[in-house]
Amino acid sequence: MNKNCLECGDTIVGREDKKFCSDGCRNAYNNKINKDSNNFMRNVNNKLRKNYRILCELNTEGKSKTTRTKLLSKGFDFDYFTNILQTKTGNTYYFLYDQGYMLLENDYYMLVKKDI
């Protein structure tokens, strides 16, 4: 009994339980199935990665200050972060993994790095 590749329809040679004729067909098939969710997730992850790189670039010492203007000029998107930390004193830090920021007065931000 001949089985056909789920992607291209060619005859499959080899193991009885194979579904694809090659790794290329397997990848193409799975990419098509996951395309919609992958595009959204890819875009979100790219924004998170960009924000993280910007914070790392501006916060080389582990704690520093910068302005909103400087963050925005580098392409920082304040809508994307990984978690929020509320301190006992009422301060709110927004984190991208181990890099965080907190709004100060006059559009200044405190940048911090969390010890892991």
PDB file of N, CA and C in Angstrom:
ATOM      1  N   MET A   1       0.843  -1.182   0.000  1.00  0.00           N
ATOM      2  CA  MET A   1       0.000   0.000   0.000  1.00  0.00           C
ATOM      3  C   MET A   1       0.886   1.242   0.000  1.00  0.00           C
ATOM      4  N   ASN A   2       0.681   2.112  -0.979  1.00  0.00           N
ATOM      5  CA  ASN A   2       1.473   3.341  -1.095  1.00  0.00           C
ATOM      6  C   ASN A   2       0.816   4.467  -0.304  1.00  0.00           C
ATOM      7  N   LYS A   3       1.674   5.206   0.423  1.00  0.00           N
ATOM      8  CA  LYS A   3       1.206   6.398   1.125  1.00  0.00           C
ATOM      9  C   LYS A   3       1.753   7.620   0.407  1.00  0.00           C
ATOM     10  N   ASN A   4       0.969   8.704   0.427  1.00  0.00           N
ATOM     11  CA  ASN A   4       1.388   9.935  -0.232  1.00  0.00           C
ATOM     12  C   ASN A   4       1.702  11.010   0.800  1.00  0.00           C
ATOM     13  N   CYS A   5       2.660  11.850   0.455  1.00  0.00           N
ATOM     14  CA  CYS A   5       3.081  12.968   1.294  1.00  0.00           C
ATOM     15  C   CYS A   5       1.907  13.922   1.497  1.00  0.00           C
ATOM     16  N   LEU A   6       1.707  14.346   2.742  1.00  0.00           N
ATOM     17  CA  LEU A   6       0.609  15.274   3.054  1.00  0.00           C
ATOM     18  C   LEU A   6       0.806  16.649   2.411  1.00  0.00           C
ATOM     19  N   GLU A   7       2.038  17.006   2.077  1.00  0.00           N
ATOM     20  CA  GLU A   7       2.319  18.322   1.503  1.00  0.00           C
ATOM     21  C   GLU A   7       2.286  18.302  -0.009  1.00  0.00           C
ATOM     22  N   CYS A   8       3.092  17.458  -0.634  1.00  0.00           N
ATOM     23  CA  CYS A   8       3.225  17.509  -2.101  1.00  0.00           C
ATOM     24  C   CYS A   8       2.509  16.373  -2.827  1.00  0.00           C
ATOM     25  N   GLY A   9       2.117  15.335  -2.125  1.00  0.00           N
ATOM     26  CA  GLY A   9       1.398  14.229  -2.743  1.00  0.00           C
ATOM     27  C   GLY A   9       2.279  13.144  -3.333  1.00  0.00           C
ATOM     28  N   ASP A  10       3.606  13.314  -3.287  1.00  0.00           N
ATOM     29  CA  ASP A  10       4.510  12.278  -3.806  1.00  0.00           C
ATOM     30  C   ASP A  10       4.409  11.017  -2.958  1.00  0.00           C
ATOM     31  N   THR A  11       4.795   9.895  -3.570  1.00  0.00           N
ATOM     32  CA  THR A  11       4.814   8.628  -2.852  1.00  0.00           C
ATOM     33  C   THR A  11       5.915   8.648  -1.792  1.00  0.00           C
ATOM     34  N   ILE A  12       5.577   8.143  -0.607  1.00  0.00           N
ATOM     35  CA  ILE A  12       6.527   8.116   0.499  1.00  0.00           C
ATOM     36  C   ILE A  12       7.249   6.782   0.512  1.00  0.00           C
ATOM     37  N   VAL A  13       8.569   6.856   0.630  1.00  0.00           N
ATOM     38  CA  VAL A  13       9.396   5.670   0.734  1.00  0.00           C
ATOM     39  C   VAL A  13      10.001   5.653   2.127  1.00  0.00           C
ATOM     40  N   GLY A  14       9.949   4.495   2.792  1.00  0.00           N
ATOM     41  CA  GLY A  14      10.570   4.403   4.112  1.00  0.00           C
ATOM     42  C   GLY A  14       9.622   3.843   5.132  1.00  0.00           C
ATOM     43  N   ARG A  15       9.749   4.338   6.332  1.00  0.00           N
ATOM     44  CA  ARG A  15       8.964   3.817   7.446  1.00  0.00           C
ATOM     45  C   ARG A  15       7.473   3.868   7.170  1.00  0.00           C
ATOM     46  N   GLU A  16       6.781   2.939   7.775  1.00  0.00           N
ATOM     47  CA  GLU A  16       5.339   2.800   7.585  1.00  0.00           C
ATOM     48  C   GLU A  16       4.553   3.994   8.119  1.00  0.00           C
ATOM     49  N   ASP A  17       5.070   4.643   9.189  1.00  0.00           N
ATOM     50  CA  ASP A  17       4.335   5.730   9.827  1.00  0.00           C
ATOM     51  C   ASP A  17       4.721   7.129   9.328  1.00  0.00           C
ATOM     52  N   LYS A  18       5.561   7.213   8.288  1.00  0.00           N
ATOM     53  CA  LYS A  18       5.955   8.513   7.744  1.00  0.00           C
ATOM     54  C   LYS A  18       4.761   9.224   7.111  1.00  0.00           C
ATOM     55  N   LYS A  19       4.732  10.536   7.256  1.00  0.00           N
ATOM     56  CA  LYS A  19       3.648  11.337   6.672  1.00  0.00           C
ATOM     57  C   LYS A  19       4.141  12.249   5.557  1.00  0.00           C
ATOM     58  N   PHE A  20       5.462  12.465   5.505  1.00  0.00           N
ATOM     59  CA  PHE A  20       6.041  13.405   4.547  1.00  0.00           C
ATOM     60  C   PHE A  20       7.212  12.746   3.824  1.00  0.00           C
ATOM     61  N   CYS A  21       7.457  13.194   2.600  1.00  0.00           N
ATOM     62  CA  CYS A  21       8.546  12.612   1.820  1.00  0.00           C
ATOM     63  C   CYS A  21       9.904  13.204   2.182  1.00  0.00           C
ATOM     64  N   SER A  22       9.905  14.396   2.820  1.00  0.00           N
ATOM     65  CA  SER A  22      11.172  15.046   3.163  1.00  0.00           C
ATOM     66  C   SER A  22      10.961  16.024   4.318  1.00  0.00           C
ATOM     67  N   ASP A  23      12.078  16.474   4.879  1.00  0.00           N
ATOM     68  CA  ASP A  23      12.010  17.493   5.937  1.00  0.00           C
ATOM     69  C   ASP A  23      11.439  18.800   5.392  1.00  0.00           C
ATOM     70  N   GLY A  24      11.760  19.107   4.158  1.00  0.00           N
ATOM     71  CA  GLY A  24      11.242  20.326   3.535  1.00  0.00           C
ATOM     72  C   GLY A  24       9.721  20.320   3.453  1.00  0.00           C
ATOM     73  N   CYS A  25       9.148  19.202   3.050  1.00  0.00           N
ATOM     74  CA  CYS A  25       7.690  19.097   2.976  1.00  0.00           C
ATOM     75  C   CYS A  25       7.066  19.154   4.370  1.00  0.00           C
ATOM     76  N   ARG A  26       7.704  18.512   5.341  1.00  0.00           N
ATOM     77  CA  ARG A  26       7.200  18.531   6.714  1.00  0.00           C
ATOM     78  C   ARG A  26       7.195  19.967   7.247  1.00  0.00           C
ATOM     79  N   ASN A  27       8.278  20.693   7.016  1.00  0.00           N
ATOM     80  CA  ASN A  27       8.353  22.091   7.464  1.00  0.00           C
ATOM     81  C   ASN A  27       7.329  22.964   6.763  1.00  0.00           C
ATOM     82  N   ALA A  28       7.189  22.812   5.448  1.00  0.00           N
ATOM     83  CA  ALA A  28       6.231  23.616   4.686  1.00  0.00           C
ATOM     84  C   ALA A  28       4.803  23.361   5.162  1.00  0.00           C
ATOM     85  N   TYR A  29       4.477  22.112   5.403  1.00  0.00           N
ATOM     86  CA  TYR A  29       3.134  21.735   5.872  1.00  0.00           C
ATOM     87  C   TYR A  29       2.850  22.363   7.242  1.00  0.00           C
ATOM     88  N   ASN A  30       3.782  22.213   8.170  1.00  0.00           N
ATOM     89  CA  ASN A  30       3.574  22.759   9.516  1.00  0.00           C
ATOM     90  C   ASN A  30       3.571  24.282   9.521  1.00  0.00           C
ATOM     91  N   ASN A  31       4.379  24.913   8.679  1.00  0.00           N
ATOM     92  CA  ASN A  31       4.369  26.378   8.582  1.00  0.00           C
ATOM     93  C   ASN A  31       3.021  26.889   8.085  1.00  0.00           C
ATOM     94  N   LYS A  32       2.418  26.179   7.127  1.00  0.00           N
ATOM     95  CA  LYS A  32       1.106  26.577   6.618  1.00  0.00           C
ATOM     96  C   LYS A  32       0.038  26.467   7.697  1.00  0.00           C
ATOM     97  N   ILE A  33       0.079  25.384   8.452  1.00  0.00           N
ATOM     98  CA  ILE A  33      -0.921  25.160   9.498  1.00  0.00           C
ATOM     99  C   ILE A  33      -0.817  26.208  10.590  1.00  0.00           C
ATOM    100  N   ASN A  34       0.397  26.575  10.962  1.00  0.00           N
ATOM    101  CA  ASN A  34       0.617  27.492  12.088  1.00  0.00           C
ATOM    102  C   ASN A  34       0.805  28.945  11.669  1.00  0.00           C
ATOM    103  N   LYS A  35       0.561  29.274  10.442  1.00  0.00           N
ATOM    104  CA  LYS A  35       0.892  30.591   9.902  1.00  0.00           C
ATOM    105  C   LYS A  35       0.244  31.744  10.669  1.00  0.00           C
ATOM    106  N   ASP A  36      -1.062  31.708  10.884  1.00  0.00           N
ATOM    107  CA  ASP A  36      -1.748  32.836  11.515  1.00  0.00           C
ATOM    108  C   ASP A  36      -1.236  33.100  12.920  1.00  0.00           C
ATOM    109  N   SER A  37      -1.184  32.092  13.746  1.00  0.00           N
ATOM    110  CA  SER A  37      -0.733  32.303  15.109  1.00  0.00           C
ATOM    111  C   SER A  37       0.759  32.623  15.138  1.00  0.00           C
ATOM    112  N   ASN A  38       1.524  32.027  14.243  1.00  0.00           N
ATOM    113  CA  ASN A  38       2.954  32.300  14.220  1.00  0.00           C
ATOM    114  C   ASN A  38       3.253  33.745  13.848  1.00  0.00           C
ATOM    115  N   ASN A  39       2.512  34.314  12.901  1.00  0.00           N
ATOM    116  CA  ASN A  39       2.754  35.706  12.520  1.00  0.00           C
ATOM    117  C   ASN A  39       2.488  36.645  13.687  1.00  0.00           C
ATOM    118  N   PHE A  40       1.397  36.429  14.403  1.00  0.00           N
ATOM    119  CA  PHE A  40       1.087  37.278  15.554  1.00  0.00           C
ATOM    120  C   PHE A  40       2.157  37.111  16.626  1.00  0.00           C
ATOM    121  N   MET A  41       2.477  35.868  16.955  1.00  0.00           N
ATOM    122  CA  MET A  41       3.481  35.614  17.986  1.00  0.00           C
ATOM    123  C   MET A  41       4.840  36.144  17.561  1.00  0.00           C
ATOM    124  N   ARG A  42       5.182  35.991  16.307  1.00  0.00           N
ATOM    125  CA  ARG A  42       6.469  36.487  15.812  1.00  0.00           C
ATOM    126  C   ARG A  42       6.547  37.998  15.959  1.00  0.00           C
ATOM    127  N   ASN A  43       5.462  38.700  15.613  1.00  0.00           N
ATOM    128  CA  ASN A  43       5.452  40.161  15.723  1.00  0.00           C
ATOM    129  C   ASN A  43       5.576  40.620  17.172  1.00  0.00           C
ATOM    130  N   VAL A  44       4.854  39.966  18.077  1.00  0.00           N
ATOM    131  CA  VAL A  44       4.941  40.321  19.495  1.00  0.00           C
ATOM    132  C   VAL A  44       6.348  40.047  20.017  1.00  0.00           C
ATOM    133  N   ASN A  45       6.884  38.875  19.707  1.00  0.00           N
ATOM    134  CA  ASN A  45       8.240  38.541  20.177  1.00  0.00           C
ATOM    135  C   ASN A  45       9.287  39.496  19.616  1.00  0.00           C
ATOM    136  N   ASN A  46       9.124  39.928  18.371  1.00  0.00           N
ATOM    137  CA  ASN A  46      10.060  40.894  17.792  1.00  0.00           C
ATOM    138  C   ASN A  46      10.010  42.227  18.542  1.00  0.00           C
ATOM    139  N   LYS A  47       8.807  42.665  18.921  1.00  0.00           N
ATOM    140  CA  LYS A  47       8.674  43.922  19.671  1.00  0.00           C
ATOM    141  C   LYS A  47       9.287  43.784  21.065  1.00  0.00           C
ATOM    142  N   LEU A  48       9.058  42.640  21.718  1.00  0.00           N
ATOM    143  CA  LEU A  48       9.658  42.406  23.035  1.00  0.00           C
ATOM    144  C   LEU A  48      11.180  42.385  22.940  1.00  0.00           C
ATOM    145  N   ARG A  49      11.695  41.706  21.918  1.00  0.00           N
ATOM    146  CA  ARG A  49      13.146  41.623  21.728  1.00  0.00           C
ATOM    147  C   ARG A  49      13.748  42.997  21.478  1.00  0.00           C
ATOM    148  N   LYS A  50      13.078  43.821  20.657  1.00  0.00           N
ATOM    149  CA  LYS A  50      13.574  45.164  20.362  1.00  0.00           C
ATOM    150  C   LYS A  50      13.585  46.021  21.629  1.00  0.00           C
ATOM    151  N   ASN A  51      12.501  45.984  22.394  1.00  0.00           N
ATOM    152  CA  ASN A  51      12.444  46.739  23.653  1.00  0.00           C
ATOM    153  C   ASN A  51      13.551  46.287  24.598  1.00  0.00           C
ATOM    154  N   TYR A  52      13.778  44.988  24.686  1.00  0.00           N
ATOM    155  CA  TYR A  52      14.814  44.450  25.572  1.00  0.00           C
ATOM    156  C   TYR A  52      16.200  44.949  25.160  1.00  0.00           C
ATOM    157  N   ARG A  53      16.484  44.921  23.857  1.00  0.00           N
ATOM    158  CA  ARG A  53      17.784  45.394  23.365  1.00  0.00           C
ATOM    159  C   ARG A  53      17.983  46.875  23.691  1.00  0.00           C
ATOM    160  N   ILE A  54      16.932  47.667  23.557  1.00  0.00           N
ATOM    161  CA  ILE A  54      17.020  49.103  23.847  1.00  0.00           C
ATOM    162  C   ILE A  54      17.332  49.314  25.325  1.00  0.00           C
ATOM    163  N   LEU A  55      16.639  48.603  26.207  1.00  0.00           N
ATOM    164  CA  LEU A  55      16.903  48.749  27.642  1.00  0.00           C
ATOM    165  C   LEU A  55      18.326  48.303  27.986  1.00  0.00           C
ATOM    166  N   CYS A  56      18.790  47.209  27.396  1.00  0.00           N
ATOM    167  CA  CYS A  56      20.161  46.736  27.643  1.00  0.00           C
ATOM    168  C   CYS A  56      21.188  47.769  27.183  1.00  0.00           C
ATOM    169  N   GLU A  57      20.933  48.379  26.044  1.00  0.00           N
ATOM    170  CA  GLU A  57      21.853  49.383  25.493  1.00  0.00           C
ATOM    171  C   GLU A  57      21.938  50.614  26.399  1.00  0.00           C
ATOM    172  N   LEU A  58      20.801  51.031  26.944  1.00  0.00           N
ATOM    173  CA  LEU A  58      20.761  52.245  27.761  1.00  0.00           C
ATOM    174  C   LEU A  58      21.091  51.998  29.233  1.00  0.00           C
ATOM    175  N   ASN A  59      21.050  50.743  29.655  1.00  0.00           N
ATOM    176  CA  ASN A  59      21.249  50.421  31.064  1.00  0.00           C
ATOM    177  C   ASN A  59      22.427  49.460  31.229  1.00  0.00           C
ATOM    178  N   THR A  60      23.601  49.921  30.921  1.00  0.00           N
ATOM    179  CA  THR A  60      24.792  49.057  30.980  1.00  0.00           C
ATOM    180  C   THR A  60      25.292  48.846  32.402  1.00  0.00           C
ATOM    181  N   GLU A  61      24.940  49.750  33.324  1.00  0.00           N
ATOM    182  CA  GLU A  61      25.437  49.665  34.698  1.00  0.00           C
ATOM    183  C   GLU A  61      24.497  48.909  35.639  1.00  0.00           C
ATOM    184  N   GLY A  62      23.299  48.564  35.187  1.00  0.00           N
ATOM    185  CA  GLY A  62      22.346  47.878  36.061  1.00  0.00           C
ATOM    186  C   GLY A  62      21.324  48.804  36.677  1.00  0.00           C
ATOM    187  N   LYS A  63      21.613  50.101  36.664  1.00  0.00           N
ATOM    188  CA  LYS A  63      20.676  51.108  37.154  1.00  0.00           C
ATOM    189  C   LYS A  63      21.050  52.438  36.528  1.00  0.00           C
ATOM    190  N   SER A  64      20.101  53.071  35.847  1.00  0.00           N
ATOM    191  CA  SER A  64      20.380  54.348  35.193  1.00  0.00           C
ATOM    192  C   SER A  64      19.079  55.095  34.940  1.00  0.00           C
ATOM    193  N   LYS A  65      19.190  56.320  34.429  1.00  0.00           N
ATOM    194  CA  LYS A  65      18.033  57.139  34.076  1.00  0.00           C
ATOM    195  C   LYS A  65      18.095  57.487  32.603  1.00  0.00           C
ATOM    196  N   THR A  66      16.915  57.650  32.025  1.00  0.00           N
ATOM    197  CA  THR A  66      16.825  58.114  30.643  1.00  0.00           C
ATOM    198  C   THR A  66      15.497  58.847  30.483  1.00  0.00           C
ATOM    199  N   THR A  67      15.289  59.409  29.301  1.00  0.00           N
ATOM    200  CA  THR A  67      14.052  60.145  29.036  1.00  0.00           C
ATOM    201  C   THR A  67      13.134  59.340  28.122  1.00  0.00           C
ATOM    202  N   ARG A  68      11.871  59.700  28.183  1.00  0.00           N
ATOM    203  CA  ARG A  68      10.883  59.084  27.289  1.00  0.00           C
ATOM    204  C   ARG A  68      11.256  59.352  25.830  1.00  0.00           C
ATOM    205  N   THR A  69      11.719  60.558  25.559  1.00  0.00           N
ATOM    206  CA  THR A  69      12.101  60.941  24.200  1.00  0.00           C
ATOM    207  C   THR A  69      13.207  60.041  23.664  1.00  0.00           C
ATOM    208  N   LYS A  70      14.194  59.758  24.500  1.00  0.00           N
ATOM    209  CA  LYS A  70      15.305  58.910  24.069  1.00  0.00           C
ATOM    210  C   LYS A  70      14.827  57.488  23.786  1.00  0.00           C
ATOM    211  N   LEU A  71      13.968  56.960  24.657  1.00  0.00           N
ATOM    212  CA  LEU A  71      13.423  55.614  24.439  1.00  0.00           C
ATOM    213  C   LEU A  71      12.626  55.559  23.133  1.00  0.00           C
ATOM    214  N   LEU A  72      11.766  56.540  22.926  1.00  0.00           N
ATOM    215  CA  LEU A  72      10.946  56.570  21.715  1.00  0.00           C
ATOM    216  C   LEU A  72      11.795  56.749  20.458  1.00  0.00           C
ATOM    217  N   SER A  73      12.851  57.543  20.544  1.00  0.00           N
ATOM    218  CA  SER A  73      13.701  57.771  19.366  1.00  0.00           C
ATOM    219  C   SER A  73      14.414  56.492  18.930  1.00  0.00           C
ATOM    220  N   LYS A  74      14.616  55.564  19.865  1.00  0.00           N
ATOM    221  CA  LYS A  74      15.257  54.295  19.534  1.00  0.00           C
ATOM    222  C   LYS A  74      14.235  53.242  19.104  1.00  0.00           C
ATOM    223  N   GLY A  75      12.932  53.591  19.148  1.00  0.00           N
ATOM    224  CA  GLY A  75      11.891  52.677  18.704  1.00  0.00           C
ATOM    225  C   GLY A  75      11.224  51.885  19.812  1.00  0.00           C
ATOM    226  N   PHE A  76      11.408  52.300  21.060  1.00  0.00           N
ATOM    227  CA  PHE A  76      10.808  51.593  22.194  1.00  0.00           C
ATOM    228  C   PHE A  76       9.294  51.691  22.122  1.00  0.00           C
ATOM    229  N   ASP A  77       8.600  50.569  22.370  1.00  0.00           N
ATOM    230  CA  ASP A  77       7.134  50.523  22.354  1.00  0.00           C
ATOM    231  C   ASP A  77       6.649  50.205  23.765  1.00  0.00           C
ATOM    232  N   PHE A  78       6.055  51.192  24.439  1.00  0.00           N
ATOM    233  CA  PHE A  78       5.638  51.051  25.830  1.00  0.00           C
ATOM    234  C   PHE A  78       4.468  50.085  26.013  1.00  0.00           C
ATOM    235  N   ASP A  79       3.848  49.628  24.936  1.00  0.00           N
ATOM    236  CA  ASP A  79       2.735  48.685  25.034  1.00  0.00           C
ATOM    237  C   ASP A  79       3.195  47.246  25.228  1.00  0.00           C
ATOM    238  N   TYR A  80       4.491  46.975  25.067  1.00  0.00           N
ATOM    239  CA  TYR A  80       4.991  45.599  25.124  1.00  0.00           C
ATOM    240  C   TYR A  80       6.004  45.424  26.243  1.00  0.00           C
ATOM    241  N   PHE A  81       5.650  44.561  27.197  1.00  0.00           N
ATOM    242  CA  PHE A  81       6.527  44.203  28.310  1.00  0.00           C
ATOM    243  C   PHE A  81       6.107  42.817  28.776  1.00  0.00           C
ATOM    244  N   THR A  82       6.945  42.176  29.592  1.00  0.00           N
ATOM    245  CA  THR A  82       6.649  40.801  29.997  1.00  0.00           C
ATOM    246  C   THR A  82       5.949  40.699  31.344  1.00  0.00           C
ATOM    247  N   ASN A  83       6.204  41.616  32.261  1.00  0.00           N
ATOM    248  CA  ASN A  83       5.504  41.585  33.543  1.00  0.00           C
ATOM    249  C   ASN A  83       5.591  42.930  34.255  1.00  0.00           C
ATOM    250  N   ILE A  84       4.759  43.084  35.286  1.00  0.00           N
ATOM    251  CA  ILE A  84       4.698  44.302  36.086  1.00  0.00           C
ATOM    252  C   ILE A  84       5.026  43.940  37.528  1.00  0.00           C
ATOM    253  N   LEU A  85       5.825  44.772  38.165  1.00  0.00           N
ATOM    254  CA  LEU A  85       6.170  44.567  39.579  1.00  0.00           C
ATOM    255  C   LEU A  85       5.698  45.776  40.374  1.00  0.00           C
ATOM    256  N   GLN A  86       4.831  45.533  41.356  1.00  0.00           N
ATOM    257  CA  GLN A  86       4.387  46.576  42.279  1.00  0.00           C
ATOM    258  C   GLN A  86       5.193  46.425  43.558  1.00  0.00           C
ATOM    259  N   THR A  87       5.888  47.475  43.969  1.00  0.00           N
ATOM    260  CA  THR A  87       6.677  47.409  45.195  1.00  0.00           C
ATOM    261  C   THR A  87       5.796  47.743  46.400  1.00  0.00           C
ATOM    262  N   LYS A  88       6.299  47.460  47.586  1.00  0.00           N
ATOM    263  CA  LYS A  88       5.564  47.763  48.820  1.00  0.00           C
ATOM    264  C   LYS A  88       5.359  49.259  48.991  1.00  0.00           C
ATOM    265  N   THR A  89       6.265  50.051  48.403  1.00  0.00           N
ATOM    266  CA  THR A  89       6.156  51.512  48.514  1.00  0.00           C
ATOM    267  C   THR A  89       5.216  52.107  47.468  1.00  0.00           C
ATOM    268  N   GLY A  90       4.629  51.271  46.607  1.00  0.00           N
ATOM    269  CA  GLY A  90       3.664  51.739  45.621  1.00  0.00           C
ATOM    270  C   GLY A  90       4.246  52.067  44.259  1.00  0.00           C
ATOM    271  N   ASN A  91       5.523  51.805  44.052  1.00  0.00           N
ATOM    272  CA  ASN A  91       6.130  52.041  42.745  1.00  0.00           C
ATOM    273  C   ASN A  91       5.768  50.904  41.790  1.00  0.00           C
ATOM    274  N   THR A  92       5.621  51.243  40.522  1.00  0.00           N
ATOM    275  CA  THR A  92       5.299  50.252  39.501  1.00  0.00           C
ATOM    276  C   THR A  92       6.443  50.164  38.511  1.00  0.00           C
ATOM    277  N   TYR A  93       7.018  48.972  38.388  1.00  0.00           N
ATOM    278  CA  TYR A  93       8.079  48.698  37.415  1.00  0.00           C
ATOM    279  C   TYR A  93       7.515  47.815  36.312  1.00  0.00           C
ATOM    280  N   TYR A  94       7.852  48.135  35.088  1.00  0.00           N
ATOM    281  CA  TYR A  94       7.493  47.308  33.938  1.00  0.00           C
ATOM    282  C   TYR A  94       8.760  46.595  33.489  1.00  0.00           C
ATOM    283  N   PHE A  95       8.669  45.284  33.319  1.00  0.00           N
ATOM    284  CA  PHE A  95       9.849  44.498  32.983  1.00  0.00           C
ATOM    285  C   PHE A  95       9.746  43.850  31.622  1.00  0.00           C
ATOM    286  N   LEU A  96      10.910  43.741  30.995  1.00  0.00           N
ATOM    287  CA  LEU A  96      11.122  42.897  29.830  1.00  0.00           C
ATOM    288  C   LEU A  96      12.177  41.894  30.279  1.00  0.00           C
ATOM    289  N   TYR A  97      11.688  40.758  30.723  1.00  0.00           N
ATOM    290  CA  TYR A  97      12.547  39.720  31.295  1.00  0.00           C
ATOM    291  C   TYR A  97      13.268  40.293  32.517  1.00  0.00           C
ATOM    292  N   ASP A  98      14.574  40.500  32.471  1.00  0.00           N
ATOM    293  CA  ASP A  98      15.288  41.007  33.650  1.00  0.00           C
ATOM    294  C   ASP A  98      15.565  42.509  33.586  1.00  0.00           C
ATOM    295  N   GLN A  99      15.181  43.174  32.517  1.00  0.00           N
ATOM    296  CA  GLN A  99      15.368  44.622  32.372  1.00  0.00           C
ATOM    297  C   GLN A  99      14.038  45.323  32.659  1.00  0.00           C
ATOM    298  N   GLY A 100      14.083  46.332  33.546  1.00  0.00           N
ATOM    299  CA  GLY A 100      12.851  47.013  33.905  1.00  0.00           C
ATOM    300  C   GLY A 100      12.970  48.520  33.826  1.00  0.00           C
ATOM    301  N   TYR A 101      11.817  49.172  33.894  1.00  0.00           N
ATOM    302  CA  TYR A 101      11.786  50.632  33.902  1.00  0.00           C
ATOM    303  C   TYR A 101      10.614  51.110  34.756  1.00  0.00           C
ATOM    304  N   MET A 102      10.789  52.296  35.329  1.00  0.00           N
ATOM    305  CA  MET A 102       9.765  52.912  36.150  1.00  0.00           C
ATOM    306  C   MET A 102       9.682  54.385  35.772  1.00  0.00           C
ATOM    307  N   LEU A 103       8.467  54.883  35.611  1.00  0.00           N
ATOM    308  CA  LEU A 103       8.253  56.293  35.292  1.00  0.00           C
ATOM    309  C   LEU A 103       8.576  57.148  36.504  1.00  0.00           C
ATOM    310  N   LEU A 104       9.396  58.165  36.276  1.00  0.00           N
ATOM    311  CA  LEU A 104       9.711  59.163  37.299  1.00  0.00           C
ATOM    312  C   LEU A 104       8.990  60.454  36.921  1.00  0.00           C
ATOM    313  N   GLU A 105       9.387  61.572  37.488  1.00  0.00           N
ATOM    314  CA  GLU A 105       8.788  62.862  37.140  1.00  0.00           C
ATOM    315  C   GLU A 105       9.366  63.405  35.844  1.00  0.00           C
ATOM    316  N   ASN A 106       8.606  64.273  35.193  1.00  0.00           N
ATOM    317  CA  ASN A 106       9.050  65.005  34.002  1.00  0.00           C
ATOM    318  C   ASN A 106       9.502  64.091  32.860  1.00  0.00           C
ATOM    319  N   ASP A 107       8.801  63.009  32.649  1.00  0.00           N
ATOM    320  CA  ASP A 107       9.076  62.064  31.551  1.00  0.00           C
ATOM    321  C   ASP A 107      10.455  61.417  31.631  1.00  0.00           C
ATOM    322  N   TYR A 108      10.991  61.300  32.820  1.00  0.00           N
ATOM    323  CA  TYR A 108      12.222  60.539  33.030  1.00  0.00           C
ATOM    324  C   TYR A 108      11.850  59.127  33.461  1.00  0.00           C
ATOM    325  N   TYR A 109      12.728  58.185  33.133  1.00  0.00           N
ATOM    326  CA  TYR A 109      12.525  56.799  33.524  1.00  0.00           C
ATOM    327  C   TYR A 109      13.762  56.272  34.242  1.00  0.00           C
ATOM    328  N   MET A 110      13.525  55.502  35.302  1.00  0.00           N
ATOM    329  CA  MET A 110      14.577  54.784  35.997  1.00  0.00           C
ATOM    330  C   MET A 110      14.654  53.416  35.328  1.00  0.00           C
ATOM    331  N   LEU A 111      15.852  53.055  34.872  1.00  0.00           N
ATOM    332  CA  LEU A 111      16.080  51.743  34.280  1.00  0.00           C
ATOM    333  C   LEU A 111      16.791  50.883  35.302  1.00  0.00           C
ATOM    334  N   VAL A 112      16.352  49.643  35.450  1.00  0.00           N
ATOM    335  CA  VAL A 112      16.949  48.733  36.423  1.00  0.00           C
ATOM    336  C   VAL A 112      17.138  47.357  35.792  1.00  0.00           C
ATOM    337  N   LYS A 113      18.070  46.615  36.369  1.00  0.00           N
ATOM    338  CA  LYS A 113      18.249  45.221  35.966  1.00  0.00           C
ATOM    339  C   LYS A 113      18.043  44.351  37.184  1.00  0.00           C
ATOM    340  N   LYS A 114      17.159  43.371  37.044  1.00  0.00           N
ATOM    341  CA  LYS A 114      16.845  42.456  38.123  1.00  0.00           C
ATOM    342  C   LYS A 114      17.934  41.390  38.218  1.00  0.00           C
ATOM    343  N   ASP A 115      18.396  41.116  39.426  1.00  0.00           N
ATOM    344  CA  ASP A 115      19.360  40.034  39.627  1.00  0.00           C
ATOM    345  C   ASP A 115      18.627  38.702  39.504  1.00  0.00           C
ATOM    346  N   ILE A 116      19.187  37.839  38.692  1.00  0.00           N
ATOM    347  CA  ILE A 116      18.539  36.538  38.466  1.00  0.00           C
ATOM    348  C   ILE A 116      19.258  35.463  39.266  1.00  0.00           C
TER     349      ILE A 116
END
